[in-house]
């Protein structure tokens, strides 16, 4: 699955260029802050296996006004390094590699 170029951002991690993209509009579940924000990363020059990172933050455009911290390039770089350490091979073909960092996420449905 290739990443849509429009809206993607370039980042260099350990000398390798990647593109990452945060979904502009939240999914229904993210809009209600029932599920956390996710973003996708792929190698810029030879896209292959996409990295999908699940954060511990609500989506920035959630509909209920939950506070959030933005996804920073430093967080993306750290996630890329961790995923590579865990076996993500960005130039290989195949299904997306999922990195779940949502352990501290609290759903809005559990705060009602």
Protein backbone atom coordinates (compact mmCIF):
# COMPACT_ATOMS: atom_id res chain seq x y z
CA UNK A 1 0.00 0.00 0.00
CA UNK A 2 1.61 3.25 -1.12
CA UNK A 3 1.30 6.42 0.88
CA UNK A 4 -0.55 9.30 -0.75
CA UNK A 5 2.04 11.96 -1.58
CA UNK A 6 -0.31 14.90 -1.05
CA UNK A 7 -0.01 16.03 2.54
CA UNK A 8 2.93 13.77 3.33
CA UNK A 9 6.04 15.12 5.04
CA UNK A 10 9.65 14.16 4.48
CA UNK A 11 11.92 13.10 7.32
CA UNK A 12 15.44 11.68 7.33
CA UNK A 13 16.23 9.05 9.95
CA UNK A 14 19.77 7.67 10.19
CA UNK A 15 20.55 8.90 6.68
CA UNK A 16 17.47 7.34 5.03
CA UNK A 17 14.61 9.48 3.70
CA UNK A 18 11.05 8.58 4.66
CA UNK A 19 7.66 10.15 4.05
CA UNK A 20 5.01 10.21 6.74
CA UNK A 21 1.40 11.27 6.72
CA UNK A 22 -1.19 11.94 9.35
CA UNK A 23 -4.79 11.53 8.29
CA UNK A 24 -6.30 15.01 7.96
CA UNK A 25 -9.82 14.09 9.00
CA UNK A 26 -10.40 11.69 11.88
CA UNK A 27 -12.24 8.43 11.43
CA UNK A 28 -15.60 8.27 13.24
CA UNK A 29 -13.98 6.48 16.17
CA UNK A 30 -11.11 8.97 16.32
CA UNK A 31 -13.52 11.90 16.03
CA UNK A 32 -15.27 10.74 19.18
CA UNK A 33 -11.87 10.03 20.81
CA UNK A 34 -12.76 6.36 21.19
CA UNK A 35 -9.56 5.37 19.40
CA UNK A 36 -6.16 7.09 19.16
CA UNK A 37 -4.55 8.95 16.31
CA UNK A 38 -2.52 6.95 13.77
CA UNK A 39 -0.06 7.89 11.06
CA UNK A 40 1.73 6.07 8.27
CA UNK A 41 5.40 6.04 7.23
CA UNK A 42 7.18 4.65 4.18
CA UNK A 43 10.64 4.89 2.71
CA UNK A 44 10.71 7.83 0.28
CA UNK A 45 12.86 6.40 -2.52
CA UNK A 46 11.73 2.78 -2.62
CA UNK A 47 8.35 2.47 -0.94
CA UNK A 48 7.45 -1.03 0.12
CA UNK A 49 6.05 -2.10 3.46
CA UNK A 50 4.17 0.74 5.17
CA UNK A 51 4.64 1.39 8.88
CA UNK A 52 1.39 2.25 10.69
CA UNK A 53 1.93 3.86 14.09
CA UNK A 54 -0.85 4.06 16.65
CA UNK A 55 -0.15 6.89 19.09
CA UNK A 56 -1.34 7.41 22.65
CA UNK A 57 -3.06 10.70 21.74
CA UNK A 58 -6.51 11.57 20.42
CA UNK A 59 -6.67 12.90 16.86
CA UNK A 60 -6.03 16.66 16.69
CA UNK A 61 -9.39 17.19 14.95
CA UNK A 62 -11.46 15.17 17.40
CA UNK A 63 -15.02 16.43 17.64
CA UNK A 64 -15.37 16.57 21.40
CA UNK A 65 -12.48 18.90 22.19
CA UNK A 66 -10.17 16.39 23.88
CA UNK A 67 -6.73 17.83 24.50
CA UNK A 68 -3.96 16.33 22.42
CA UNK A 69 -0.28 16.68 21.74
CA UNK A 70 0.71 17.04 18.09
CA UNK A 71 2.70 14.36 16.29
CA UNK A 72 6.20 15.83 16.08
CA UNK A 73 8.95 14.84 13.65
CA UNK A 74 11.04 13.72 16.62
CA UNK A 75 8.27 11.26 17.60
CA UNK A 76 8.09 9.97 14.04
CA UNK A 77 11.87 9.49 13.94
CA UNK A 78 11.78 7.60 17.24
CA UNK A 79 8.94 5.38 15.98
CA UNK A 80 10.85 4.62 12.77
CA UNK A 81 13.97 3.65 14.75
CA UNK A 82 11.92 1.44 17.10
CA UNK A 83 10.08 -0.24 14.21
CA UNK A 84 13.36 -0.93 12.41
CA UNK A 85 14.71 -2.45 15.62
CA UNK A 86 11.55 -4.59 15.89
CA UNK A 87 11.95 -5.95 12.36
CA UNK A 88 10.21 -3.52 10.01
CA UNK A 89 11.77 -3.82 6.56
CA UNK A 90 10.61 -0.71 4.67
CA UNK A 91 11.81 -1.91 1.24
CA UNK A 92 10.12 -5.32 1.48
CA UNK A 93 6.71 -5.91 0.00
CA UNK A 94 3.85 -7.13 2.10
CA UNK A 95 1.25 -6.09 4.61
CA UNK A 96 1.69 -3.03 6.78
CA UNK A 97 3.89 -3.26 9.87
CA UNK A 98 1.94 -2.06 12.93
CA UNK A 99 3.62 -0.29 15.83
CA UNK A 100 1.21 0.17 18.72
CA UNK A 101 2.22 2.93 21.14
CA UNK A 102 -1.27 3.46 22.54
CA UNK A 103 -0.75 1.92 25.99
CA UNK A 104 -1.45 5.24 27.75
CA UNK A 105 -4.46 6.20 25.60
CA UNK A 106 -7.72 6.68 27.48
CA UNK A 107 -10.84 6.43 25.36
CA UNK A 108 -13.48 9.11 25.84
CA UNK A 109 -16.06 6.34 26.26
CA UNK A 110 -14.27 5.17 29.40
CA UNK A 111 -14.33 8.68 30.91
CA UNK A 112 -18.12 9.06 30.68
